[in-house]
Amino acid sequence: MKFQGKKLAAMVLGVALAASGSLAQSQGYDVYFNDATGYGVSDHVINIENIRVDFVLSFAGSRPQIVSANYTIPFRFDEQTLHLVPDLGASVDEGTSSASRCASLTLNISDAYTGNPVSDAEVSIGSNSTTSSSDGEASFSNLLEGSIHVGVTATGYSDTEQVVTVSCDEPTSVGVALNPTDTSSGGLATNEVRVILSWGENPRDLDSHLTGPDENSDGTASDETNRFHLYYGNRSSCCDVANLDVDDTTSYGPETVTIRPPTDAGILRAGLYRYSVFHYSGSSDLSTANATVRLVYGDGSERSFSPPSDNSTLSGGYGDVWTVFELMVDSQGAVTVLPVNTYTSASSSGSVRGTNTGYGEVESGVDFLRLPAK
């Protein structure tokens, strides 16, 4: 999510009032939100960057010497008060010296429908911007360590925003997949849904798995029998309403799944759809993969998911499963998103949630340990 200008100013001032009970003002200090932007870092935290504070350092005769500083401040959601509360202890002074800006980032910009590189995309991080090269790469250096917001725009594609974690320990590389807007070039039609997975250099290969109601389903969430399983070994022939458009095996993604209404039907098939990510090969684990899953609707709206940061339930490599979300489609075609966002191991009985059971139960017919080789 992203907020700008006066709307953001009103929101942050409201947050300050809610957090402190009053709006404190200090003589000689002015706070500006005109150029501030906010973006979600996790389920419970948003960062608001480029908050400008002007203050009087000293007076030279009748004229004040005014100094400006810009800050990024994370706000966390307090479940007790139901308010966003600023975490001032974790705020970042954006005027930090260049010596402390030690992180670097390379973005691999691609077409979500074809997987091909996208050149001449405009990529921005804060006030810094560049364009992608002919092979889709865009690079930045002198970045502050931590979570940063990346914005990408390109002709013929929907604007895309992504949160990336960068480190000073080593350069970071991440994929960003752009969704085309023209249906003749792979853009979504009305009542179609697309799932786009992208990630970093490691793990090398993450795989998309979608299960959902087949043509024999009764359209209920409890129908365990009449379901398809879409993945790299069954890309389209398994089902009439979904297709694995892109299967990337060499880092970054995208892995793209498109769900569409049955032929001659104007709405999605009723039933429960479940999307999971499987760690097929490569080092690292899902929690540190800089993975992003974007759920995109035909009207252009979208929702993003990031892996849980708590990796205590991960085995640390091949065989881990991230069950991301479920879509419940009713008989009228209305879609309800049910975030799951949990890790399990394919060696356990909790690989994927079952349709008529609680979270963490296995779904019949999905055996991640016995998938065919690529």
Protein backbone atom coordinates (compact mmCIF):
# COMPACT_ATOMS: atom_id res chain seq x y z
CA MET A 1 0.00 0.00 0.00
CA LYS A 2 1.09 3.57 -0.57
CA PHE A 3 -0.07 6.94 0.77
CA GLN A 4 0.98 10.39 -0.40
CA GLY A 5 0.57 14.09 0.24
CA LYS A 6 -2.23 15.57 2.31
CA LYS A 7 -4.03 12.24 2.72
CA LEU A 8 -0.93 10.81 4.40
CA ALA A 9 -0.51 13.94 6.52
CA ALA A 10 -4.03 13.64 7.87
CA MET A 11 -3.56 9.95 8.58
CA VAL A 12 -0.27 10.40 10.42
CA LEU A 13 -1.57 13.33 12.45
CA GLY A 14 -4.55 11.19 13.40
CA VAL A 15 -2.19 8.40 14.41
CA ALA A 16 -0.16 10.79 16.54
CA LEU A 17 -3.27 12.00 18.29
CA ALA A 18 -4.46 8.45 18.87
CA ALA A 19 -1.08 7.36 20.21
CA SER A 20 -0.44 10.26 22.56
CA GLY A 21 -3.88 11.64 23.29
CA SER A 22 -2.79 15.12 22.23
CA LEU A 23 -0.79 16.74 19.48
CA ALA A 24 2.42 18.13 20.98
CA GLN A 25 3.91 21.20 19.35
CA SER A 26 7.29 22.72 20.06
CA GLN A 27 8.22 26.28 19.21
CA GLY A 28 10.63 26.45 16.30
CA TYR A 29 9.75 23.02 14.86
CA ASP A 30 7.69 22.40 11.72
CA VAL A 31 6.81 18.97 10.35
CA TYR A 32 5.93 18.48 6.66
CA PHE A 33 4.26 15.45 5.05
CA ASN A 34 3.90 16.89 1.53
CA ASP A 35 6.46 14.52 -0.03
CA ALA A 36 6.01 11.62 2.39
CA THR A 37 5.05 8.15 1.21
CA GLY A 38 3.94 5.12 3.20
CA TYR A 39 4.17 1.44 2.35
CA GLY A 40 3.46 -1.82 4.09
CA VAL A 41 6.47 -3.73 5.41
CA SER A 42 4.57 -6.60 7.06
CA ASP A 43 1.11 -7.47 8.27
CA HIS A 44 1.49 -5.15 11.25
CA VAL A 45 4.01 -2.48 10.19
CA ILE A 46 4.08 0.35 7.65
CA ASN A 47 7.02 2.64 6.96
CA ILE A 48 6.41 6.32 6.35
CA GLU A 49 9.42 7.84 4.64
CA ASN A 50 10.56 11.36 3.79
CA ILE A 51 8.93 13.12 6.74
CA ARG A 52 10.64 16.52 6.79
CA VAL A 53 11.35 18.35 10.04
CA ASP A 54 12.47 21.99 9.95
CA PHE A 55 13.84 23.50 13.16
CA VAL A 56 15.58 26.68 14.24
CA LEU A 57 19.22 26.05 15.03
CA SER A 58 20.19 29.64 15.95
CA PHE A 59 19.41 33.24 15.18
CA ALA A 60 21.67 35.54 13.21
CA GLY A 61 20.30 38.93 14.09
CA SER A 62 16.62 38.90 13.28
CA ARG A 63 16.85 35.96 10.88
CA PRO A 64 16.68 32.33 12.04
CA GLN A 65 19.00 29.64 10.74
CA ILE A 66 16.64 26.81 9.75
CA VAL A 67 17.91 23.26 9.39
CA SER A 68 15.93 20.46 7.71
CA ALA A 69 16.11 16.73 8.36
CA ASN A 70 14.19 13.88 6.71
CA TYR A 71 13.15 10.71 8.51
CA THR A 72 11.63 7.31 7.86
CA ILE A 73 9.45 6.17 10.76
CA PRO A 74 7.86 2.72 11.07
CA PHE A 75 4.35 2.51 12.50
CA ARG A 76 3.17 -0.73 14.07
CA PHE A 77 -0.41 -1.86 14.54
CA ASP A 78 -1.31 -2.13 18.22
CA GLU A 79 -3.89 -4.90 18.56
CA GLN A 80 -4.91 -3.69 22.03
CA THR A 81 -5.78 -0.13 21.03
CA LEU A 82 -6.41 -0.82 17.31
CA HIS A 83 -4.16 2.13 16.47
CA LEU A 84 -1.03 2.62 14.40
CA VAL A 85 1.72 3.63 16.82
CA PRO A 86 5.02 5.23 15.72
CA ASP A 87 8.12 3.27 16.67
CA LEU A 88 10.47 6.20 17.19
CA GLY A 89 13.25 3.95 18.43
CA ALA A 90 13.45 2.38 14.96
CA SER A 91 13.23 5.63 12.99
CA VAL A 92 15.89 6.29 10.36
CA ASP A 93 17.55 9.62 9.69
CA GLU A 94 17.58 9.85 5.89
CA GLY A 95 20.46 12.28 6.12
CA THR A 96 22.75 9.50 7.29
CA SER A 97 26.22 9.82 5.80
CA SER A 98 27.03 7.95 2.60
CA ALA A 99 29.45 5.77 4.56
CA SER A 100 26.45 4.23 6.34
CA ARG A 101 24.58 3.70 3.07
CA CYS A 102 26.30 0.44 2.32
CA ALA A 103 23.59 -1.72 0.67
CA SER A 104 23.17 -2.32 -3.05
CA LEU A 105 20.27 -3.75 -5.07
CA THR A 106 19.81 -5.13 -8.57
CA LEU A 107 16.24 -5.55 -9.82
CA ASN A 108 15.36 -7.96 -12.62
CA ILE A 109 12.27 -6.50 -14.33
CA SER A 110 10.19 -8.95 -16.37
CA ASP A 111 6.81 -9.46 -18.03
CA ALA A 112 4.58 -11.50 -15.70
CA TYR A 113 2.78 -13.22 -18.60
CA THR A 114 5.78 -14.15 -20.79
CA GLY A 115 8.71 -13.99 -18.37
CA ASN A 116 10.66 -11.85 -20.87
CA PRO A 117 12.81 -8.92 -19.67
CA VAL A 118 11.21 -5.46 -19.74
CA SER A 119 13.51 -2.65 -20.87
CA ASP A 120 13.06 1.10 -20.32
CA ALA A 121 10.98 0.59 -17.18
CA GLU A 122 11.29 3.50 -14.76
CA VAL A 123 12.39 2.25 -11.36
CA SER A 124 12.42 4.45 -8.26
CA ILE A 125 13.59 4.08 -4.67
CA GLY A 126 12.80 7.22 -2.70
CA SER A 127 14.17 10.18 -4.65
CA ASN A 128 16.49 7.96 -6.72
CA SER A 129 15.39 6.62 -10.09
CA THR A 130 16.78 4.81 -13.10
CA THR A 131 15.57 2.85 -16.11
CA SER A 132 15.94 -0.85 -16.79
CA SER A 133 18.43 -2.03 -19.40
CA SER A 134 17.74 -4.23 -22.43
CA ASP A 135 18.04 -7.31 -20.21
CA GLY A 136 15.62 -5.85 -17.66
CA GLU A 137 18.18 -4.94 -14.99
CA ALA A 138 18.13 -1.80 -12.83
CA SER A 139 20.74 -1.23 -10.12
CA PHE A 140 21.02 1.01 -7.06
CA SER A 141 23.83 1.54 -4.56
CA ASN A 142 24.36 3.52 -1.33
CA LEU A 143 21.09 2.29 0.15
CA LEU A 144 20.28 2.12 3.85
CA GLU A 145 20.06 -1.42 5.19
CA GLY A 146 16.56 -2.75 5.89
CA SER A 147 13.18 -2.74 4.15
CA ILE A 148 12.87 -0.34 1.22
CA HIS A 149 10.05 0.53 -1.16
CA VAL A 150 10.53 0.02 -4.91
CA GLY A 151 8.19 1.51 -7.52
CA VAL A 152 8.22 0.43 -11.18
CA THR A 153 6.32 1.90 -14.14
CA ALA A 154 6.50 0.91 -17.80
CA THR A 155 4.41 1.55 -20.90
CA GLY A 156 1.85 -1.21 -21.41
CA TYR A 157 2.02 -2.44 -17.80
CA SER A 158 0.30 -1.70 -14.51
CA ASP A 159 2.36 0.28 -12.00
CA THR A 160 3.99 -2.08 -9.53
CA GLU A 161 5.18 -1.56 -5.97
CA GLN A 162 7.26 -3.99 -3.97
CA VAL A 163 9.00 -4.04 -0.60
CA VAL A 164 12.54 -5.47 -0.66
CA THR A 165 14.91 -6.17 2.23
CA VAL A 166 18.52 -5.18 1.53
CA SER A 167 21.62 -5.93 3.55
CA CYS A 168 25.12 -4.53 3.77
CA ASP A 169 26.52 -8.05 4.13
CA GLU A 170 26.19 -8.77 0.40
CA PRO A 171 24.55 -7.32 -2.74
CA THR A 172 20.85 -8.09 -3.11
CA SER A 173 19.14 -9.18 -6.34
CA VAL A 174 15.36 -9.46 -6.65
CA GLY A 175 12.83 -10.04 -9.42
CA VAL A 176 9.91 -7.71 -10.13
CA ALA A 177 7.24 -8.89 -12.58
CA LEU A 178 5.00 -6.38 -14.36
CA ASN A 179 1.44 -7.26 -15.30
CA PRO A 180 0.48 -6.26 -18.87
CA THR A 181 -2.63 -4.11 -19.28
CA ASP A 182 -3.64 -5.06 -22.84
CA THR A 183 -5.55 -8.36 -23.10
CA SER A 184 -3.96 -8.99 -26.51
CA SER A 185 -0.57 -9.05 -24.75
CA GLY A 186 -1.59 -11.21 -21.82
CA GLY A 187 -3.48 -8.66 -19.76
CA LEU A 188 -6.37 -9.81 -17.60
CA ALA A 189 -9.96 -9.73 -18.77
CA THR A 190 -12.90 -9.00 -16.48
CA ASN A 191 -13.40 -11.67 -13.80
CA GLU A 192 -9.93 -13.16 -14.33
CA VAL A 193 -7.42 -13.42 -11.49
CA ARG A 194 -3.63 -13.72 -11.65
CA VAL A 195 -1.09 -14.83 -9.05
CA ILE A 196 2.48 -13.57 -9.58
CA LEU A 197 5.41 -14.94 -7.58
CA SER A 198 8.85 -13.31 -7.66
CA TRP A 199 11.88 -13.69 -5.40
CA GLY A 200 15.64 -13.22 -5.07
CA GLU A 201 18.69 -15.11 -6.26
CA ASN A 202 18.27 -17.82 -3.62
CA PRO A 203 16.55 -20.23 -3.46
CA ARG A 204 17.15 -20.93 -7.13
CA ASP A 205 13.75 -22.48 -7.82
CA LEU A 206 10.44 -21.78 -6.10
CA ASP A 207 7.31 -23.39 -7.53
CA SER A 208 3.67 -22.31 -7.65
CA HIS A 209 0.97 -24.80 -6.71
CA LEU A 210 -2.72 -24.05 -7.15
CA THR A 211 -5.53 -26.40 -6.18
CA GLY A 212 -9.17 -25.69 -6.93
CA PRO A 213 -12.58 -27.00 -8.01
CA ASP A 214 -12.68 -28.97 -11.27
CA GLU A 215 -15.64 -29.27 -13.65
CA ASN A 216 -17.23 -31.98 -11.45
CA SER A 217 -17.12 -29.92 -8.26
CA ASP A 218 -20.34 -29.05 -6.48
CA GLY A 219 -18.91 -25.59 -5.76
CA THR A 220 -18.69 -25.98 -2.01
CA ALA A 221 -15.63 -25.56 0.20
CA SER A 222 -16.07 -29.07 1.56
CA ASP A 223 -15.76 -30.90 -1.77
CA GLU A 224 -12.40 -32.67 -1.32
CA THR A 225 -12.78 -35.07 -4.22
CA ASN A 226 -13.37 -33.00 -7.35
CA ARG A 227 -10.29 -30.80 -7.34
CA PHE A 228 -7.43 -30.05 -9.73
CA HIS A 229 -3.75 -29.55 -8.87
CA LEU A 230 -1.93 -27.08 -11.14
CA TYR A 231 1.90 -27.00 -11.03
CA TYR A 232 4.93 -27.39 -13.32
CA GLY A 233 4.14 -31.07 -14.00
CA ASN A 234 0.52 -30.29 -14.87
CA ARG A 235 0.55 -26.79 -16.33
CA SER A 236 -2.80 -26.67 -18.13
CA SER A 237 -4.14 -30.09 -19.09
CA CYS A 238 -5.25 -30.73 -15.51
CA CYS A 239 -7.87 -28.03 -15.45
CA ASP A 240 -10.07 -25.89 -17.63
CA VAL A 241 -10.00 -22.74 -15.50
CA ALA A 242 -6.32 -22.16 -14.67
CA ASN A 243 -2.95 -22.11 -16.39
CA LEU A 244 0.68 -21.87 -15.28
CA ASP A 245 1.81 -19.16 -17.69
CA VAL A 246 5.45 -18.99 -16.58
CA ASP A 247 7.59 -21.49 -14.65
CA ASP A 248 10.96 -19.99 -13.75
CA THR A 249 13.74 -22.34 -12.61
CA THR A 250 16.76 -20.03 -12.44
CA SER A 251 16.06 -17.47 -9.68
CA TYR A 252 13.99 -14.27 -9.52
CA GLY A 253 10.79 -15.54 -11.19
CA PRO A 254 8.21 -14.90 -12.28
CA GLU A 255 5.99 -17.87 -11.61
CA THR A 256 2.60 -16.80 -12.92
CA VAL A 257 -0.80 -18.49 -12.61
CA THR A 258 -3.95 -17.17 -14.28
CA ILE A 259 -7.42 -18.23 -13.13
CA ARG A 260 -10.33 -17.59 -15.50
CA PRO A 261 -14.05 -18.41 -15.77
CA PRO A 262 -15.02 -21.65 -17.51
CA THR A 263 -15.75 -21.40 -21.25
CA ASP A 264 -19.06 -19.60 -21.92
CA ALA A 265 -19.30 -18.56 -18.26
CA GLY A 266 -18.95 -14.98 -17.11
CA ILE A 267 -17.84 -15.68 -13.54
CA LEU A 268 -15.21 -17.78 -11.81
CA ARG A 269 -16.17 -21.33 -10.91
CA ALA A 270 -17.52 -21.57 -7.36
CA GLY A 271 -15.41 -23.36 -4.77
CA LEU A 272 -12.20 -23.05 -2.78
CA TYR A 273 -8.87 -22.26 -4.48
CA ARG A 274 -5.60 -22.57 -2.57
CA TYR A 275 -2.21 -21.16 -3.58
CA SER A 276 1.08 -22.46 -2.14
CA VAL A 277 4.79 -21.99 -2.84
CA PHE A 278 7.14 -24.99 -2.71
CA HIS A 279 10.93 -24.71 -2.22
CA TYR A 280 12.03 -27.00 -5.05
CA SER A 281 15.79 -26.37 -5.10
CA GLY A 282 18.56 -23.98 -4.10
CA SER A 283 20.07 -22.65 -0.90
CA SER A 284 18.59 -20.28 1.70
CA ASP A 285 14.98 -20.63 2.81
CA LEU A 286 11.60 -19.08 2.15
CA SER A 287 11.79 -16.55 4.99
CA THR A 288 14.91 -14.89 3.52
CA ALA A 289 14.10 -15.29 -0.17
CA ASN A 290 12.75 -11.74 -0.66
CA ALA A 291 9.69 -13.49 -2.08
CA THR A 292 6.54 -11.58 -2.98
CA VAL A 293 3.20 -12.98 -4.10
CA ARG A 294 0.83 -10.54 -5.79
CA LEU A 295 -2.83 -11.38 -6.28
CA VAL A 296 -4.07 -9.29 -9.23
CA TYR A 297 -7.70 -8.85 -10.30
CA GLY A 298 -9.08 -8.04 -13.73
CA ASP A 299 -10.06 -4.54 -12.59
CA GLY A 300 -6.39 -3.73 -11.88
CA SER A 301 -6.57 -3.92 -8.10
CA GLU A 302 -4.14 -6.20 -6.31
CA ARG A 303 -2.97 -7.49 -2.96
CA SER A 304 0.54 -8.51 -1.90
CA PHE A 305 1.80 -11.23 0.44
CA SER A 306 5.25 -11.73 1.98
CA PRO A 307 6.53 -14.86 3.74
CA PRO A 308 6.37 -14.81 7.55
CA SER A 309 9.66 -13.64 9.07
CA ASP A 310 9.50 -16.32 11.77
CA ASN A 311 11.32 -19.28 10.23
CA SER A 312 11.26 -21.52 13.32
CA THR A 313 9.01 -24.04 11.55
CA LEU A 314 11.16 -24.24 8.41
CA SER A 315 13.53 -27.09 7.77
CA GLY A 316 15.90 -24.63 6.11
CA GLY A 317 15.87 -25.85 2.53
CA TYR A 318 14.27 -28.18 0.01
CA GLY A 319 10.83 -29.42 0.96
CA ASP A 320 9.45 -26.35 2.69
CA VAL A 321 5.97 -25.14 1.80
CA TRP A 322 4.53 -21.64 2.18
CA THR A 323 0.74 -21.80 2.00
CA VAL A 324 -0.07 -18.22 1.04
CA PHE A 325 -3.83 -17.75 0.71
CA GLU A 326 -7.17 -19.24 -0.24
CA LEU A 327 -9.85 -17.79 -2.50
CA MET A 328 -13.44 -18.68 -1.74
CA VAL A 329 -15.70 -18.05 -4.76
CA ASP A 330 -19.45 -18.18 -4.18
CA SER A 331 -22.20 -19.10 -6.65
CA GLN A 332 -22.46 -15.45 -7.76
CA GLY A 333 -18.75 -15.19 -8.53
CA ALA A 334 -17.91 -13.04 -5.50
CA VAL A 335 -14.35 -13.64 -4.26
CA THR A 336 -13.27 -13.69 -0.62
CA VAL A 337 -9.54 -13.76 0.16
CA LEU A 338 -8.54 -15.89 3.15
CA PRO A 339 -4.88 -15.29 4.11
CA VAL A 340 -3.21 -18.44 5.46
CA ASN A 341 0.48 -17.37 5.37
CA THR A 342 1.96 -20.33 7.19
CA TYR A 343 4.99 -22.59 6.74
CA THR A 344 5.01 -26.36 6.82
CA SER A 345 7.34 -29.11 5.68
CA ALA A 346 6.41 -31.47 2.86
CA SER A 347 7.65 -34.32 5.05
CA SER A 348 4.90 -33.59 7.56
CA SER A 349 1.15 -34.01 7.29
CA GLY A 350 0.63 -30.27 7.10
CA SER A 351 1.76 -29.48 3.57
CA VAL A 352 -1.43 -27.73 2.49
CA ARG A 353 -4.61 -26.89 4.32
CA GLY A 354 -7.53 -29.18 3.56
CA THR A 355 -10.80 -27.75 2.26
CA ASN A 356 -13.00 -29.06 5.05
CA THR A 357 -10.50 -29.02 7.90
CA GLY A 358 -8.64 -26.44 9.98
CA TYR A 359 -5.44 -24.66 9.04
CA GLY A 360 -2.41 -26.85 8.50
CA GLU A 361 -4.18 -30.04 7.42
CA VAL A 362 -3.08 -31.90 4.32
CA GLU A 363 -5.16 -31.84 1.13
CA SER A 364 -5.83 -35.17 -0.60
CA GLY A 365 -3.78 -35.77 -3.74
CA VAL A 366 -1.01 -33.24 -3.06
CA ASP A 367 2.27 -35.02 -2.30
CA PHE A 368 5.17 -32.60 -2.53
CA LEU A 369 7.77 -35.27 -1.80
CA ARG A 370 6.85 -37.30 -4.89
CA LEU A 371 6.68 -34.63 -7.54
CA PRO A 372 8.09 -35.55 -10.98
CA ALA A 373 11.58 -34.27 -11.82
CA LYS A 374 11.93 -31.25 -14.07
